[in-house]
Amino acid sequence: AGSGNPLGQIQHAHDDWYANTVRLQVGVPL
């Protein structure tokens, strides 16, 4: 269902936060 909007977080990390890195929390059981 897109919980937390991770794609939006990535886009805005780049667009608004001067980021050069994103760290994705990935569920091992998932």
Full PDB file with SEQRES, HELIX, SHEET, SSBOND, CRYST1, ORIGX, SCALE, CONECT and MASTER records, all heavy atoms in Angstrom:
SEQRES   1 A   30  ALA GLY SER GLY ASN PRO LEU GLY GLN ILE GLN HIS ALA          
SEQRES   2 A   30  HIS ASP ASP TRP TYR ALA ASN THR VAL ARG LEU GLN VAL          
SEQRES   3 A   30  GLY VAL PRO LEU                                              
HELIX    1 AA1 PRO A    6  ASP A   16  1                                  11    
CRYST1    1.000    1.000    1.000  90.00  90.00  90.00 P 1           1          
ORIGX1      1.000000  0.000000  0.000000        0.00000                         
ORIGX2      0.000000  1.000000  0.000000        0.00000                         
ORIGX3      0.000000  0.000000  1.000000        0.00000                         
SCALE1      1.000000  0.000000  0.000000        0.00000                         
SCALE2      0.000000  1.000000  0.000000        0.00000                         
SCALE3      0.000000  0.000000  1.000000        0.00000                         
ATOM      1  N   ALA A   1       0.821  -1.213   0.000  1.00  0.00           N  
ATOM      2  CA  ALA A   1       0.000   0.000   0.000  1.00  0.00           C  
ATOM      3  C   ALA A   1       0.858   1.267   0.000  1.00  0.00           C  
ATOM      4  O   ALA A   1       0.329   2.374   0.093  1.00  0.00           O  
ATOM      5  CB  ALA A   1      -0.931  -0.006   1.214  1.00  0.00           C  
ATOM      6  N   GLY A   2       2.179   1.104  -0.094  1.00  0.00           N  
ATOM      7  CA  GLY A   2       3.069   2.259  -0.117  1.00  0.00           C  
ATOM      8  C   GLY A   2       3.268   2.903   1.233  1.00  0.00           C  
ATOM      9  O   GLY A   2       3.499   4.113   1.321  1.00  0.00           O  
ATOM     10  N   SER A   3       3.204   2.106   2.308  1.00  0.00           N  
ATOM     11  CA  SER A   3       3.344   2.643   3.667  1.00  0.00           C  
ATOM     12  C   SER A   3       4.591   3.515   3.794  1.00  0.00           C  
ATOM     13  O   SER A   3       5.688   3.132   3.411  1.00  0.00           O  
ATOM     14  CB  SER A   3       3.435   1.481   4.661  1.00  0.00           C  
ATOM     15  OG  SER A   3       3.644   1.948   5.961  1.00  0.00           O  
ATOM     16  N   GLY A   4       4.396   4.727   4.333  1.00  0.00           N  
ATOM     17  CA  GLY A   4       5.511   5.643   4.543  1.00  0.00           C  
ATOM     18  C   GLY A   4       5.976   6.385   3.320  1.00  0.00           C  
ATOM     19  O   GLY A   4       6.803   7.288   3.414  1.00  0.00           O  
ATOM     20  N   ASN A   5       5.481   5.992   2.122  1.00  0.00           N  
ATOM     21  CA  ASN A   5       5.845   6.659   0.875  1.00  0.00           C  
ATOM     22  C   ASN A   5       7.364   6.669   0.665  1.00  0.00           C  
ATOM     23  O   ASN A   5       7.999   7.721   0.532  1.00  0.00           O  
ATOM     24  CB  ASN A   5       5.310   8.093   0.871  1.00  0.00           C  
ATOM     25  CG  ASN A   5       5.455   8.766  -0.497  1.00  0.00           C  
ATOM     26  OD1 ASN A   5       5.820   8.145  -1.481  1.00  0.00           O  
ATOM     27  ND2 ASN A   5       5.185  10.061  -0.526  1.00  0.00           N  
ATOM     28  N   PRO A   6       7.997   5.490   0.612  1.00  0.00           N  
ATOM     29  CA  PRO A   6       9.453   5.470   0.464  1.00  0.00           C  
ATOM     30  C   PRO A   6       9.960   6.115  -0.816  1.00  0.00           C  
ATOM     31  O   PRO A   6      11.027   6.749  -0.804  1.00  0.00           O  
ATOM     32  CB  PRO A   6       9.791   3.969   0.514  1.00  0.00           C  
ATOM     33  CG  PRO A   6       8.522   3.258   0.227  1.00  0.00           C  
ATOM     34  CD  PRO A   6       7.433   4.131   0.739  1.00  0.00           C  
ATOM     35  N   LEU A   7       9.233   5.985  -1.911  1.00  0.00           N  
ATOM     36  CA  LEU A   7       9.690   6.611  -3.156  1.00  0.00           C  
ATOM     37  C   LEU A   7       9.659   8.134  -3.035  1.00  0.00           C  
ATOM     38  O   LEU A   7      10.549   8.827  -3.537  1.00  0.00           O  
ATOM     39  CB  LEU A   7       8.851   6.132  -4.333  1.00  0.00           C  
ATOM     40  CG  LEU A   7       8.874   4.622  -4.602  1.00  0.00           C  
ATOM     41  CD1 LEU A   7       8.028   4.295  -5.838  1.00  0.00           C  
ATOM     42  CD2 LEU A   7      10.290   4.106  -4.770  1.00  0.00           C  
ATOM     43  N   GLY A   8       8.641   8.644  -2.355  1.00  0.00           N  
ATOM     44  CA  GLY A   8       8.592  10.083  -2.100  1.00  0.00           C  
ATOM     45  C   GLY A   8       9.730  10.531  -1.194  1.00  0.00           C  
ATOM     46  O   GLY A   8      10.321  11.606  -1.396  1.00  0.00           O  
ATOM     47  N   GLN A   9      10.059   9.724  -0.188  1.00  0.00           N  
ATOM     48  CA  GLN A   9      11.178  10.054   0.701  1.00  0.00           C  
ATOM     49  C   GLN A   9      12.487  10.131  -0.085  1.00  0.00           C  
ATOM     50  O   GLN A   9      13.301  11.041   0.132  1.00  0.00           O  
ATOM     51  CB  GLN A   9      11.296   9.010   1.807  1.00  0.00           C  
ATOM     52  CG  GLN A   9      10.147   9.015   2.813  1.00  0.00           C  
ATOM     53  CD  GLN A   9      10.350   7.968   3.900  1.00  0.00           C  
ATOM     54  OE1 GLN A   9      11.382   7.918   4.549  1.00  0.00           O  
ATOM     55  NE2 GLN A   9       9.347   7.111   4.085  1.00  0.00           N  
ATOM     56  N   ILE A  10      12.707   9.180  -0.988  1.00  0.00           N  
ATOM     57  CA  ILE A  10      13.931   9.182  -1.789  1.00  0.00           C  
ATOM     58  C   ILE A  10      13.983  10.423  -2.676  1.00  0.00           C  
ATOM     59  O   ILE A  10      15.008  11.114  -2.747  1.00  0.00           O  
ATOM     60  CB  ILE A  10      13.999   7.903  -2.643  1.00  0.00           C  
ATOM     61  CG1 ILE A  10      14.188   6.672  -1.740  1.00  0.00           C  
ATOM     62  CG2 ILE A  10      15.140   7.991  -3.657  1.00  0.00           C  
ATOM     63  CD1 ILE A  10      13.957   5.350  -2.449  1.00  0.00           C  
ATOM     64  N   GLN A  11      12.874  10.719  -3.334  1.00  0.00           N  
ATOM     65  CA  GLN A  11      12.843  11.875  -4.228  1.00  0.00           C  
ATOM     66  C   GLN A  11      13.151  13.159  -3.469  1.00  0.00           C  
ATOM     67  O   GLN A  11      13.929  14.005  -3.934  1.00  0.00           O  
ATOM     68  CB  GLN A  11      11.476  11.979  -4.906  1.00  0.00           C  
ATOM     69  CG  GLN A  11      11.407  13.049  -5.984  1.00  0.00           C  
ATOM     70  CD  GLN A  11      12.212  12.704  -7.222  1.00  0.00           C  
ATOM     71  OE1 GLN A  11      12.042  11.651  -7.818  1.00  0.00           O  
ATOM     72  NE2 GLN A  11      13.100  13.616  -7.613  1.00  0.00           N  
ATOM     73  N   HIS A  12      12.554  13.328  -2.298  1.00  0.00           N  
ATOM     74  CA  HIS A  12      12.753  14.573  -1.555  1.00  0.00           C  
ATOM     75  C   HIS A  12      14.089  14.610  -0.826  1.00  0.00           C  
ATOM     76  O   HIS A  12      14.619  15.706  -0.574  1.00  0.00           O  
ATOM     77  CB  HIS A  12      11.578  14.803  -0.607  1.00  0.00           C  
ATOM     78  CG  HIS A  12      10.348  15.284  -1.321  1.00  0.00           C  
ATOM     79  ND1 HIS A  12      10.124  16.616  -1.593  1.00  0.00           N  
ATOM     80  CD2 HIS A  12       9.308  14.609  -1.858  1.00  0.00           C  
ATOM     81  CE1 HIS A  12       8.996  16.749  -2.258  1.00  0.00           C  
ATOM     82  NE2 HIS A  12       8.479  15.544  -2.437  1.00  0.00           N  
ATOM     83  N   ALA A  13      14.662  13.447  -0.498  1.00  0.00           N  
ATOM     84  CA  ALA A  13      16.030  13.439   0.025  1.00  0.00           C  
ATOM     85  C   ALA A  13      16.965  14.077  -1.004  1.00  0.00           C  
ATOM     86  O   ALA A  13      17.876  14.851  -0.661  1.00  0.00           O  
ATOM     87  CB  ALA A  13      16.464  12.016   0.342  1.00  0.00           C  
ATOM     88  N   HIS A  14      16.733  13.775  -2.264  1.00  0.00           N  
ATOM     89  CA  HIS A  14      17.529  14.357  -3.342  1.00  0.00           C  
ATOM     90  C   HIS A  14      17.154  15.812  -3.604  1.00  0.00           C  
ATOM     91  O   HIS A  14      18.017  16.691  -3.704  1.00  0.00           O  
ATOM     92  CB  HIS A  14      17.335  13.541  -4.622  1.00  0.00           C  
ATOM     93  CG  HIS A  14      17.917  14.183  -5.840  1.00  0.00           C  
ATOM     94  ND1 HIS A  14      17.190  15.036  -6.653  1.00  0.00           N  
ATOM     95  CD2 HIS A  14      19.155  14.115  -6.383  1.00  0.00           C  
ATOM     96  CE1 HIS A  14      17.958  15.463  -7.642  1.00  0.00           C  
ATOM     97  NE2 HIS A  14      19.152  14.913  -7.514  1.00  0.00           N  
ATOM     98  N   ASP A  15      15.856  16.087  -3.697  1.00  0.00           N  
ATOM     99  CA  ASP A  15      15.406  17.408  -4.136  1.00  0.00           C  
ATOM    100  C   ASP A  15      15.585  18.480  -3.069  1.00  0.00           C  
ATOM    101  O   ASP A  15      15.889  19.635  -3.398  1.00  0.00           O  
ATOM    102  CB  ASP A  15      13.929  17.359  -4.524  1.00  0.00           C  
ATOM    103  CG  ASP A  15      13.669  16.538  -5.779  1.00  0.00           C  
ATOM    104  OD1 ASP A  15      14.647  16.134  -6.451  1.00  0.00           O  
ATOM    105  OD2 ASP A  15      12.484  16.292  -6.074  1.00  0.00           O  
ATOM    106  N   ASP A  16      15.369  18.113  -1.792  1.00  0.00           N  
ATOM    107  CA  ASP A  16      15.276  19.116  -0.729  1.00  0.00           C  
ATOM    108  C   ASP A  16      16.389  19.044   0.310  1.00  0.00           C  
ATOM    109  O   ASP A  16      16.591  20.007   1.046  1.00  0.00           O  
ATOM    110  CB  ASP A  16      13.953  18.961   0.037  1.00  0.00           C  
ATOM    111  CG  ASP A  16      12.730  18.984  -0.857  1.00  0.00           C  
ATOM    112  OD1 ASP A  16      12.830  19.505  -1.980  1.00  0.00           O  
ATOM    113  OD2 ASP A  16      11.682  18.470  -0.442  1.00  0.00           O  
ATOM    114  N   TRP A  17      17.086  17.918   0.405  1.00  0.00           N  
ATOM    115  CA  TRP A  17      17.955  17.683   1.566  1.00  0.00           C  
ATOM    116  C   TRP A  17      19.425  17.571   1.209  1.00  0.00           C  
ATOM    117  O   TRP A  17      20.229  17.197   2.070  1.00  0.00           O  
ATOM    118  CB  TRP A  17      17.473  16.437   2.329  1.00  0.00           C  
ATOM    119  CG  TRP A  17      16.190  16.728   3.044  1.00  0.00           C  
ATOM    120  CD1 TRP A  17      14.937  16.787   2.495  1.00  0.00           C  
ATOM    121  CD2 TRP A  17      16.026  17.056   4.409  1.00  0.00           C  
ATOM    122  NE1 TRP A  17      14.017  17.134   3.439  1.00  0.00           N  
ATOM    123  CE2 TRP A  17      14.654  17.308   4.637  1.00  0.00           C  
ATOM    124  CE3 TRP A  17      16.899  17.164   5.488  1.00  0.00           C  
ATOM    125  CZ2 TRP A  17      14.142  17.657   5.882  1.00  0.00           C  
ATOM    126  CZ3 TRP A  17      16.401  17.510   6.726  1.00  0.00           C  
ATOM    127  CH2 TRP A  17      15.039  17.759   6.920  1.00  0.00           C  
ATOM    128  N   TYR A  18      19.800  17.899  -0.023  1.00  0.00           N  
ATOM    129  CA  TYR A  18      21.210  17.915  -0.411  1.00  0.00           C  
ATOM    130  C   TYR A  18      21.875  16.564  -0.136  1.00  0.00           C  
ATOM    131  O   TYR A  18      23.069  16.481   0.129  1.00  0.00           O  
ATOM    132  CB  TYR A  18      21.965  19.027   0.337  1.00  0.00           C  
ATOM    133  CG  TYR A  18      21.302  20.378   0.239  1.00  0.00           C  
ATOM    134  CD1 TYR A  18      20.364  20.791   1.190  1.00  0.00           C  
ATOM    135  CD2 TYR A  18      21.583  21.246  -0.813  1.00  0.00           C  
ATOM    136  CE1 TYR A  18      19.739  22.027   1.093  1.00  0.00           C  
ATOM    137  CE2 TYR A  18      20.966  22.484  -0.913  1.00  0.00           C  
ATOM    138  CZ  TYR A  18      20.047  22.871   0.045  1.00  0.00           C  
ATOM    139  OH  TYR A  18      19.436  24.090  -0.058  1.00  0.00           O  
ATOM    140  N   ALA A  19      21.106  15.495  -0.204  1.00  0.00           N  
ATOM    141  CA  ALA A  19      21.612  14.169   0.130  1.00  0.00           C  
ATOM    142  C   ALA A  19      22.460  13.604  -1.010  1.00  0.00           C  
ATOM    143  O   ALA A  19      22.211  13.872  -2.187  1.00  0.00           O  
ATOM    144  CB  ALA A  19      20.449  13.221   0.419  1.00  0.00           C  
ATOM    145  N   ASN A  20      23.463  12.820  -0.631  1.00  0.00           N  
ATOM    146  CA  ASN A  20      24.171  12.022  -1.627  1.00  0.00           C  
ATOM    147  C   ASN A  20      23.969  10.524  -1.372  1.00  0.00           C  
ATOM    148  O   ASN A  20      24.512   9.694  -2.116  1.00  0.00           O  
ATOM    149  CB  ASN A  20      25.669  12.365  -1.673  1.00  0.00           C  
ATOM    150  CG  ASN A  20      26.392  12.109  -0.351  1.00  0.00           C  
ATOM    151  OD1 ASN A  20      25.901  11.392   0.524  1.00  0.00           O  
ATOM    152  ND2 ASN A  20      27.566  12.702  -0.197  1.00  0.00           N  
ATOM    153  N   THR A  21      23.193  10.192  -0.331  1.00  0.00           N  
ATOM    154  CA  THR A  21      23.012   8.798   0.093  1.00  0.00           C  
ATOM    155  C   THR A  21      21.605   8.601   0.621  1.00  0.00           C  
ATOM    156  O   THR A  21      21.059   9.496   1.282  1.00  0.00           O  
ATOM    157  CB  THR A  21      24.012   8.440   1.207  1.00  0.00           C  
ATOM    158  OG1 THR A  21      25.342   8.704   0.755  1.00  0.00           O  
ATOM    159  CG2 THR A  21      23.898   6.991   1.635  1.00  0.00           C  
ATOM    160  N   VAL A  22      21.026   7.442   0.346  1.00  0.00           N  
ATOM    161  CA  VAL A  22      19.823   7.013   1.066  1.00  0.00           C  
ATOM    162  C   VAL A  22      20.085   5.631   1.652  1.00  0.00           C  
ATOM    163  O   VAL A  22      20.747   4.792   1.033  1.00  0.00           O  
ATOM    164  CB  VAL A  22      18.558   6.982   0.179  1.00  0.00           C  
ATOM    165  CG1 VAL A  22      18.094   8.395  -0.146  1.00  0.00           C  
ATOM    166  CG2 VAL A  22      18.775   6.176  -1.091  1.00  0.00           C  
ATOM    167  N   ARG A  23      19.573   5.428   2.843  1.00  0.00           N  
ATOM    168  CA  ARG A  23      19.713   4.148   3.545  1.00  0.00           C  
ATOM    169  C   ARG A  23      18.312   3.535   3.641  1.00  0.00           C  
ATOM    170  O   ARG A  23      17.439   4.080   4.305  1.00  0.00           O  
ATOM    171  CB  ARG A  23      20.313   4.370   4.936  1.00  0.00           C  
ATOM    172  CG  ARG A  23      20.376   3.148   5.838  1.00  0.00           C  
ATOM    173  CD  ARG A  23      21.061   3.518   7.152  1.00  0.00           C  
ATOM    174  NE  ARG A  23      21.033   2.442   8.126  1.00  0.00           N  
ATOM    175  CZ  ARG A  23      20.087   2.299   9.073  1.00  0.00           C  
ATOM    176  NH1 ARG A  23      19.073   3.169   9.128  1.00  0.00           N  
ATOM    177  NH2 ARG A  23      20.140   1.305   9.932  1.00  0.00           N  
ATOM    178  N   LEU A  24      18.126   2.418   2.960  1.00  0.00           N  
ATOM    179  CA  LEU A  24      16.821   1.779   2.891  1.00  0.00           C  
ATOM    180  C   LEU A  24      16.709   0.720   3.988  1.00  0.00           C  
ATOM    181  O   LEU A  24      17.478  -0.243   3.996  1.00  0.00           O  
ATOM    182  CB  LEU A  24      16.621   1.133   1.522  1.00  0.00           C  
ATOM    183  CG  LEU A  24      16.925   1.986   0.288  1.00  0.00           C  
ATOM    184  CD1 LEU A  24      16.671   1.170  -0.981  1.00  0.00           C  
ATOM    185  CD2 LEU A  24      16.103   3.268   0.281  1.00  0.00           C  
ATOM    186  N   GLN A  25      15.752   0.886   4.886  1.00  0.00           N  
ATOM    187  CA  GLN A  25      15.473  -0.138   5.893  1.00  0.00           C  
ATOM    188  C   GLN A  25      14.642  -1.230   5.224  1.00  0.00           C  
ATOM    189  O   GLN A  25      13.477  -1.008   4.879  1.00  0.00           O  
ATOM    190  CB  GLN A  25      14.705   0.461   7.077  1.00  0.00           C  
ATOM    191  CG  GLN A  25      15.520   1.460   7.882  1.00  0.00           C  
ATOM    192  CD  GLN A  25      14.712   2.048   9.035  1.00  0.00           C  
ATOM    193  OE1 GLN A  25      13.562   2.428   8.860  1.00  0.00           O  
ATOM    194  NE2 GLN A  25      15.314   2.124  10.203  1.00  0.00           N  
ATOM    195  N   VAL A  26      15.218  -2.396   5.045  1.00  0.00           N  
ATOM    196  CA  VAL A  26      14.580  -3.471   4.281  1.00  0.00           C  
ATOM    197  C   VAL A  26      14.273  -4.639   5.215  1.00  0.00           C  
ATOM    198  O   VAL A  26      15.171  -5.180   5.862  1.00  0.00           O  
ATOM    199  CB  VAL A  26      15.472  -3.935   3.120  1.00  0.00           C  
ATOM    200  CG1 VAL A  26      14.803  -5.065   2.345  1.00  0.00           C  
ATOM    201  CG2 VAL A  26      15.793  -2.755   2.193  1.00  0.00           C  
ATOM    202  N   GLY A  27      13.016  -5.036   5.272  1.00  0.00           N  
ATOM    203  CA  GLY A  27      12.596  -6.109   6.160  1.00  0.00           C  
ATOM    204  C   GLY A  27      13.095  -7.462   5.679  1.00  0.00           C  
ATOM    205  O   GLY A  27      12.714  -7.931   4.603  1.00  0.00           O  
ATOM    206  N   VAL A  28      13.956  -8.097   6.483  1.00  0.00           N  
ATOM    207  CA  VAL A  28      14.497  -9.409   6.110  1.00  0.00           C  
ATOM    208  C   VAL A  28      13.376 -10.435   5.905  1.00  0.00           C  
ATOM    209  O   VAL A  28      13.344 -11.133   4.887  1.00  0.00           O  
ATOM    210  CB  VAL A  28      15.531  -9.879   7.146  1.00  0.00           C  
ATOM    211  CG1 VAL A  28      15.952 -11.328   6.882  1.00  0.00           C  
ATOM    212  CG2 VAL A  28      16.757  -8.964   7.130  1.00  0.00           C  
ATOM    213  N   PRO A  29      12.402 -10.561   6.829  1.00  0.00           N  
ATOM    214  CA  PRO A  29      11.334 -11.547   6.597  1.00  0.00           C  
ATOM    215  C   PRO A  29      10.458 -11.214   5.391  1.00  0.00           C  
ATOM    216  O   PRO A  29       9.846 -12.117   4.815  1.00  0.00           O  
ATOM    217  CB  PRO A  29      10.513 -11.492   7.889  1.00  0.00           C  
ATOM    218  CG  PRO A  29      11.400 -10.869   8.906  1.00  0.00           C  
ATOM    219  CD  PRO A  29      12.261  -9.919   8.137  1.00  0.00           C  
ATOM    220  N   LEU A  30      10.406  -9.949   4.997  1.00  0.00           N  
ATOM    221  CA  LEU A  30       9.584  -9.565   3.849  1.00  0.00           C  
ATOM    222  C   LEU A  30      10.232 -10.026   2.549  1.00  0.00           C  
ATOM    223  O   LEU A  30       9.557 -10.552   1.656  1.00  0.00           O  
ATOM    224  CB  LEU A  30       9.350  -8.057   3.841  1.00  0.00           C  
ATOM    225  CG  LEU A  30       8.754  -7.456   5.116  1.00  0.00           C  
ATOM    226  CD1 LEU A  30       8.547  -5.955   4.941  1.00  0.00           C  
ATOM    227  CD2 LEU A  30       7.451  -8.143   5.494  1.00  0.00           C  
TER     228      LEU A  30                                                      
MASTER        0    0    0    1    0    0    0    6  227    1    0    3          
END                                                                             
